[in-house]
Amino acid sequence: MNYLVDTIPPERIIGKIIEKNTAQLYLDVEVTDITLVLLDSIDINIGDSIRIYFDEIVRFDFVVENLNPKELDDKRRIVFLNYQINQNVLYYFRDNIPKDHKIVLKNDNDLRLVD
């Protein structure tokens, strides 16, 4: 396939939330589908579990202002509360490639509910 630079779709992982830890702000997600476009491989396969951490999100799709640490933590928790066990999620990774079955979410726009 020939893609123009502006139209290359991002790599993505689709999975089902199997655990949610509200105290430490992470989800465990069982991988159900992986789409790789430019990467040759990653160390994650269908059926694996990935832990997605929300505690370092610094960019939100609904806010671009500078937030103090308390406001930032409140926004992270609000985003985290949208996700529930058994929901399916889609994670787009551009430069934040999953490593060691972990994703440290930097931008809430990279993770979306698909159902």
N, C-alpha and C. Protein backbone atom coordinates (compact mmCIF):
# COMPACT_ATOMS: atom_id res chain seq x y z
N MET A 1 0.83 -1.18 0.00
CA MET A 1 0.00 0.00 0.00
C MET A 1 0.87 1.24 0.00
N ASN A 2 0.45 2.22 -0.73
CA ASN A 2 1.14 3.50 -0.72
C ASN A 2 0.30 4.50 0.04
N TYR A 3 0.87 5.07 1.08
CA TYR A 3 0.18 6.08 1.87
C TYR A 3 0.91 7.40 1.73
N LEU A 4 0.16 8.48 1.67
CA LEU A 4 0.76 9.78 1.80
C LEU A 4 1.10 9.98 3.27
N VAL A 5 2.12 10.78 3.55
CA VAL A 5 2.56 10.95 4.93
C VAL A 5 1.41 11.40 5.82
N ASP A 6 0.56 12.30 5.35
CA ASP A 6 -0.53 12.82 6.18
C ASP A 6 -1.67 11.83 6.37
N THR A 7 -1.69 10.74 5.62
CA THR A 7 -2.83 9.83 5.70
C THR A 7 -2.48 8.47 6.29
N ILE A 8 -1.27 8.32 6.83
CA ILE A 8 -0.90 7.03 7.42
C ILE A 8 -1.72 6.82 8.70
N PRO A 9 -2.50 5.75 8.75
CA PRO A 9 -3.28 5.52 9.97
C PRO A 9 -2.35 5.13 11.12
N PRO A 10 -2.73 5.45 12.33
CA PRO A 10 -1.86 5.11 13.47
C PRO A 10 -1.95 3.63 13.81
N GLU A 11 -0.88 3.12 14.43
CA GLU A 11 -0.94 1.79 15.00
C GLU A 11 -1.99 1.82 16.11
N ARG A 12 -2.62 0.68 16.33
CA ARG A 12 -3.65 0.68 17.36
C ARG A 12 -3.82 -0.71 17.97
N ILE A 13 -4.34 -0.68 19.18
CA ILE A 13 -4.65 -1.91 19.92
C ILE A 13 -6.09 -1.79 20.38
N ILE A 14 -6.85 -2.86 20.19
CA ILE A 14 -8.21 -2.91 20.72
C ILE A 14 -8.23 -4.00 21.79
N GLY A 15 -8.91 -3.70 22.89
CA GLY A 15 -8.96 -4.67 23.97
C GLY A 15 -10.16 -4.46 24.86
N LYS A 16 -10.34 -5.41 25.76
CA LYS A 16 -11.45 -5.38 26.71
C LYS A 16 -10.89 -5.15 28.11
N ILE A 17 -11.49 -4.21 28.83
CA ILE A 17 -11.04 -3.91 30.19
C ILE A 17 -11.40 -5.09 31.10
N ILE A 18 -10.38 -5.64 31.77
CA ILE A 18 -10.62 -6.78 32.64
C ILE A 18 -10.38 -6.44 34.12
N GLU A 19 -9.70 -5.31 34.37
CA GLU A 19 -9.50 -4.88 35.75
C GLU A 19 -9.34 -3.37 35.78
N LYS A 20 -9.82 -2.76 36.87
CA LYS A 20 -9.72 -1.31 37.04
C LYS A 20 -9.27 -1.04 38.46
N ASN A 21 -8.17 -0.28 38.60
CA ASN A 21 -7.65 0.06 39.92
C ASN A 21 -7.77 1.56 40.12
N THR A 22 -8.77 1.97 40.90
CA THR A 22 -9.07 3.38 41.11
C THR A 22 -8.02 4.06 41.99
N ALA A 23 -7.42 3.33 42.91
CA ALA A 23 -6.41 3.92 43.80
C ALA A 23 -5.14 4.28 43.03
N GLN A 24 -4.72 3.39 42.11
CA GLN A 24 -3.47 3.62 41.39
C GLN A 24 -3.69 4.08 39.95
N LEU A 25 -4.93 4.31 39.57
CA LEU A 25 -5.30 4.82 38.24
C LEU A 25 -4.71 4.01 37.08
N TYR A 26 -5.05 2.73 37.05
CA TYR A 26 -4.69 1.95 35.88
C TYR A 26 -5.80 0.98 35.52
N LEU A 27 -5.79 0.60 34.23
CA LEU A 27 -6.69 -0.42 33.70
C LEU A 27 -5.85 -1.59 33.21
N ASP A 28 -6.33 -2.80 33.40
CA ASP A 28 -5.76 -3.95 32.72
C ASP A 28 -6.70 -4.28 31.57
N VAL A 29 -6.11 -4.41 30.39
CA VAL A 29 -6.89 -4.61 29.16
C VAL A 29 -6.39 -5.87 28.46
N GLU A 30 -7.33 -6.77 28.13
CA GLU A 30 -6.98 -7.96 27.35
C GLU A 30 -7.04 -7.59 25.87
N VAL A 31 -5.95 -7.80 25.16
CA VAL A 31 -5.84 -7.41 23.75
C VAL A 31 -6.69 -8.34 22.88
N THR A 32 -7.57 -7.74 22.05
CA THR A 32 -8.40 -8.53 21.14
C THR A 32 -8.04 -8.29 19.67
N ASP A 33 -7.34 -7.18 19.38
CA ASP A 33 -6.94 -6.89 18.00
C ASP A 33 -5.77 -5.92 18.01
N ILE A 34 -4.85 -6.08 17.06
CA ILE A 34 -3.70 -5.18 16.92
C ILE A 34 -3.58 -4.83 15.44
N THR A 35 -3.43 -3.54 15.13
CA THR A 35 -3.19 -3.10 13.76
C THR A 35 -1.85 -2.38 13.72
N LEU A 36 -0.90 -2.94 12.99
CA LEU A 36 0.41 -2.30 12.82
C LEU A 36 0.53 -1.80 11.39
N VAL A 37 0.99 -0.57 11.24
CA VAL A 37 1.13 0.02 9.92
C VAL A 37 2.61 0.22 9.58
N LEU A 38 3.32 0.91 10.43
CA LEU A 38 4.73 1.19 10.18
C LEU A 38 5.68 0.35 11.03
N LEU A 39 5.24 -0.05 12.21
CA LEU A 39 6.10 -0.85 13.07
C LEU A 39 6.17 -2.29 12.57
N ASP A 40 7.35 -2.87 12.66
CA ASP A 40 7.49 -4.27 12.26
C ASP A 40 6.87 -5.20 13.30
N SER A 41 7.09 -4.88 14.55
CA SER A 41 6.52 -5.72 15.59
C SER A 41 6.57 -5.00 16.93
N ILE A 42 5.74 -5.46 17.83
CA ILE A 42 5.79 -5.04 19.22
C ILE A 42 5.71 -6.31 20.04
N ASP A 43 5.99 -6.22 21.32
CA ASP A 43 6.03 -7.44 22.14
C ASP A 43 4.68 -7.79 22.75
N ILE A 44 3.61 -7.39 22.08
CA ILE A 44 2.25 -7.65 22.57
C ILE A 44 1.50 -8.45 21.52
N ASN A 45 0.75 -9.44 21.97
CA ASN A 45 -0.02 -10.28 21.06
C ASN A 45 -1.48 -10.33 21.50
N ILE A 46 -2.33 -10.76 20.59
CA ILE A 46 -3.74 -10.94 20.92
C ILE A 46 -3.84 -11.95 22.06
N GLY A 47 -4.66 -11.64 23.06
CA GLY A 47 -4.81 -12.48 24.24
C GLY A 47 -3.97 -12.01 25.41
N ASP A 48 -2.95 -11.18 25.14
CA ASP A 48 -2.11 -10.64 26.22
C ASP A 48 -2.89 -9.60 27.01
N SER A 49 -2.40 -9.33 28.20
CA SER A 49 -2.96 -8.26 29.03
C SER A 49 -1.98 -7.10 29.04
N ILE A 50 -2.51 -5.89 28.89
CA ILE A 50 -1.70 -4.67 28.95
C ILE A 50 -2.22 -3.83 30.11
N ARG A 51 -1.32 -3.22 30.84
CA ARG A 51 -1.71 -2.31 31.91
C ARG A 51 -1.57 -0.88 31.39
N ILE A 52 -2.65 -0.12 31.46
CA ILE A 52 -2.66 1.27 30.99
C ILE A 52 -2.76 2.20 32.19
N TYR A 53 -1.71 2.99 32.39
CA TYR A 53 -1.64 3.91 33.53
C TYR A 53 -2.16 5.29 33.13
N PHE A 54 -2.98 5.87 33.97
CA PHE A 54 -3.55 7.20 33.73
C PHE A 54 -2.86 8.28 34.55
N ASP A 55 -1.92 7.92 35.42
CA ASP A 55 -1.40 8.87 36.40
C ASP A 55 -0.41 9.89 35.83
N GLU A 56 -0.08 9.78 34.54
CA GLU A 56 0.83 10.77 33.97
C GLU A 56 0.22 11.55 32.82
N ILE A 57 -1.09 11.43 32.61
CA ILE A 57 -1.73 12.19 31.54
C ILE A 57 -1.45 13.68 31.77
N VAL A 58 -0.94 14.33 30.76
CA VAL A 58 -0.70 15.78 30.87
C VAL A 58 -1.46 16.55 29.80
N ARG A 59 -2.00 15.84 28.81
CA ARG A 59 -2.76 16.50 27.76
C ARG A 59 -4.15 15.91 27.71
N PHE A 60 -5.13 16.80 27.66
CA PHE A 60 -6.53 16.39 27.61
C PHE A 60 -7.14 16.95 26.34
N ASP A 61 -8.02 16.20 25.70
CA ASP A 61 -8.62 16.69 24.45
C ASP A 61 -9.57 17.86 24.69
N PHE A 62 -9.93 18.11 25.94
CA PHE A 62 -10.89 19.17 26.22
C PHE A 62 -10.26 20.36 26.96
N VAL A 63 -8.97 20.31 27.23
CA VAL A 63 -8.35 21.43 27.94
C VAL A 63 -6.89 21.58 27.51
N VAL A 64 -6.47 22.83 27.30
CA VAL A 64 -5.09 23.07 26.90
C VAL A 64 -4.38 24.05 27.83
N GLU A 65 -5.09 24.54 28.84
CA GLU A 65 -4.48 25.50 29.75
C GLU A 65 -3.51 24.82 30.72
N ASN A 66 -2.66 25.62 31.33
CA ASN A 66 -1.76 25.09 32.36
C ASN A 66 -2.56 24.86 33.63
N LEU A 67 -2.43 23.66 34.17
CA LEU A 67 -3.19 23.30 35.37
C LEU A 67 -2.23 23.07 36.53
N ASN A 68 -2.67 23.43 37.73
CA ASN A 68 -1.84 23.12 38.90
C ASN A 68 -1.95 21.62 39.17
N PRO A 69 -1.07 21.06 40.00
CA PRO A 69 -1.08 19.60 40.22
C PRO A 69 -2.42 19.04 40.69
N LYS A 70 -3.12 19.74 41.55
CA LYS A 70 -4.42 19.27 42.04
C LYS A 70 -5.44 19.23 40.91
N GLU A 71 -5.50 20.29 40.09
CA GLU A 71 -6.43 20.32 38.96
C GLU A 71 -6.10 19.22 37.96
N LEU A 72 -4.80 19.01 37.73
CA LEU A 72 -4.36 17.97 36.80
C LEU A 72 -4.79 16.59 37.30
N ASP A 73 -4.60 16.33 38.59
CA ASP A 73 -5.01 15.06 39.17
C ASP A 73 -6.52 14.87 39.08
N ASP A 74 -7.28 15.93 39.34
CA ASP A 74 -8.74 15.85 39.23
C ASP A 74 -9.16 15.51 37.81
N LYS A 75 -8.53 16.13 36.82
CA LYS A 75 -8.86 15.85 35.41
C LYS A 75 -8.55 14.39 35.06
N ARG A 76 -7.39 13.90 35.53
CA ARG A 76 -7.03 12.50 35.27
C ARG A 76 -8.09 11.56 35.84
N ARG A 77 -8.52 11.82 37.07
CA ARG A 77 -9.52 10.96 37.71
C ARG A 77 -10.86 11.01 36.98
N ILE A 78 -11.24 12.18 36.50
CA ILE A 78 -12.49 12.30 35.74
C ILE A 78 -12.42 11.47 34.46
N VAL A 79 -11.30 11.56 33.75
CA VAL A 79 -11.11 10.77 32.54
C VAL A 79 -11.16 9.28 32.89
N PHE A 80 -10.45 8.88 33.94
CA PHE A 80 -10.38 7.48 34.35
C PHE A 80 -11.75 6.90 34.68
N LEU A 81 -12.61 7.70 35.30
CA LEU A 81 -13.93 7.23 35.71
C LEU A 81 -14.83 6.85 34.53
N ASN A 82 -14.50 7.32 33.32
CA ASN A 82 -15.29 6.98 32.13
C ASN A 82 -15.15 5.52 31.72
N TYR A 83 -14.13 4.84 32.21
CA TYR A 83 -13.83 3.48 31.79
C TYR A 83 -14.30 2.47 32.83
N GLN A 84 -14.94 1.39 32.35
CA GLN A 84 -15.50 0.37 33.24
C GLN A 84 -15.09 -1.02 32.78
N ILE A 85 -15.08 -1.96 33.69
CA ILE A 85 -14.76 -3.36 33.37
C ILE A 85 -15.74 -3.87 32.30
N ASN A 86 -15.22 -4.66 31.38
CA ASN A 86 -15.92 -5.27 30.24
C ASN A 86 -16.17 -4.33 29.08
N GLN A 87 -15.79 -3.08 29.18
CA GLN A 87 -15.90 -2.19 28.02
C GLN A 87 -14.73 -2.46 27.08
N ASN A 88 -14.96 -2.21 25.79
CA ASN A 88 -13.90 -2.33 24.80
C ASN A 88 -13.28 -0.96 24.56
N VAL A 89 -11.95 -0.94 24.47
CA VAL A 89 -11.23 0.31 24.27
C VAL A 89 -10.31 0.19 23.05
N LEU A 90 -10.01 1.34 22.50
CA LEU A 90 -9.10 1.45 21.36
C LEU A 90 -7.98 2.38 21.76
N TYR A 91 -6.74 1.91 21.67
CA TYR A 91 -5.57 2.73 22.00
C TYR A 91 -4.79 3.00 20.72
N TYR A 92 -4.62 4.28 20.38
CA TYR A 92 -3.79 4.69 19.25
C TYR A 92 -2.40 5.00 19.77
N PHE A 93 -1.37 4.43 19.17
CA PHE A 93 -0.04 4.84 19.59
C PHE A 93 0.74 5.36 18.40
N ARG A 94 1.24 6.57 18.56
CA ARG A 94 2.02 7.23 17.53
C ARG A 94 3.49 7.18 17.95
N ASP A 95 3.84 7.95 18.98
CA ASP A 95 5.22 7.89 19.49
C ASP A 95 5.28 7.22 20.85
N ASN A 96 4.14 6.91 21.43
CA ASN A 96 4.10 6.26 22.75
C ASN A 96 3.83 4.77 22.56
N ILE A 97 4.87 4.04 22.19
CA ILE A 97 4.74 2.62 21.87
C ILE A 97 4.70 1.80 23.16
N PRO A 98 3.76 0.85 23.26
CA PRO A 98 3.68 0.00 24.47
C PRO A 98 4.98 -0.78 24.68
N LYS A 99 5.45 -0.78 25.91
CA LYS A 99 6.66 -1.53 26.25
C LYS A 99 6.38 -2.36 27.51
N ASP A 100 6.90 -3.59 27.52
CA ASP A 100 6.75 -4.48 28.68
C ASP A 100 5.30 -4.61 29.12
N HIS A 101 4.39 -4.67 28.16
CA HIS A 101 2.96 -4.83 28.43
C HIS A 101 2.40 -3.71 29.29
N LYS A 102 3.00 -2.52 29.14
CA LYS A 102 2.53 -1.34 29.87
C LYS A 102 2.42 -0.16 28.92
N ILE A 103 1.44 0.68 29.18
CA ILE A 103 1.29 1.95 28.47
C ILE A 103 1.11 3.02 29.54
N VAL A 104 1.95 4.03 29.50
CA VAL A 104 1.77 5.18 30.38
C VAL A 104 1.09 6.24 29.52
N LEU A 105 -0.19 6.44 29.75
CA LEU A 105 -0.99 7.34 28.93
C LEU A 105 -0.55 8.78 29.15
N LYS A 106 -0.18 9.46 28.07
CA LYS A 106 0.25 10.86 28.17
C LYS A 106 -0.85 11.80 27.70
N ASN A 107 -1.69 11.31 26.80
CA ASN A 107 -2.74 12.12 26.21
C ASN A 107 -4.04 11.32 26.24
N ASP A 108 -5.06 11.85 26.86
CA ASP A 108 -6.31 11.08 26.98
C ASP A 108 -6.94 10.82 25.62
N ASN A 109 -6.57 11.57 24.62
CA ASN A 109 -7.11 11.39 23.28
C ASN A 109 -6.59 10.11 22.61
N ASP A 110 -5.56 9.48 23.18
CA ASP A 110 -5.01 8.26 22.61
C ASP A 110 -5.82 7.01 22.95
N LEU A 111 -6.70 7.11 23.95
CA LEU A 111 -7.50 5.96 24.38
C LEU A 111 -8.98 6.33 24.28
N ARG A 112 -9.74 5.45 23.62
CA ARG A 112 -11.18 5.71 23.41
C ARG A 112 -12.00 4.47 23.68
N LEU A 113 -13.20 4.68 24.16
CA LEU A 113 -14.17 3.58 24.27
C LEU A 113 -14.70 3.25 22.90
N VAL A 114 -14.90 1.97 22.60
CA VAL A 114 -15.45 1.60 21.30
C VAL A 114 -16.83 0.98 21.41
N ASP A 115 -17.39 0.94 22.61
CA ASP A 115 -18.78 0.46 22.73
C ASP A 115 -19.50 1.21 23.81
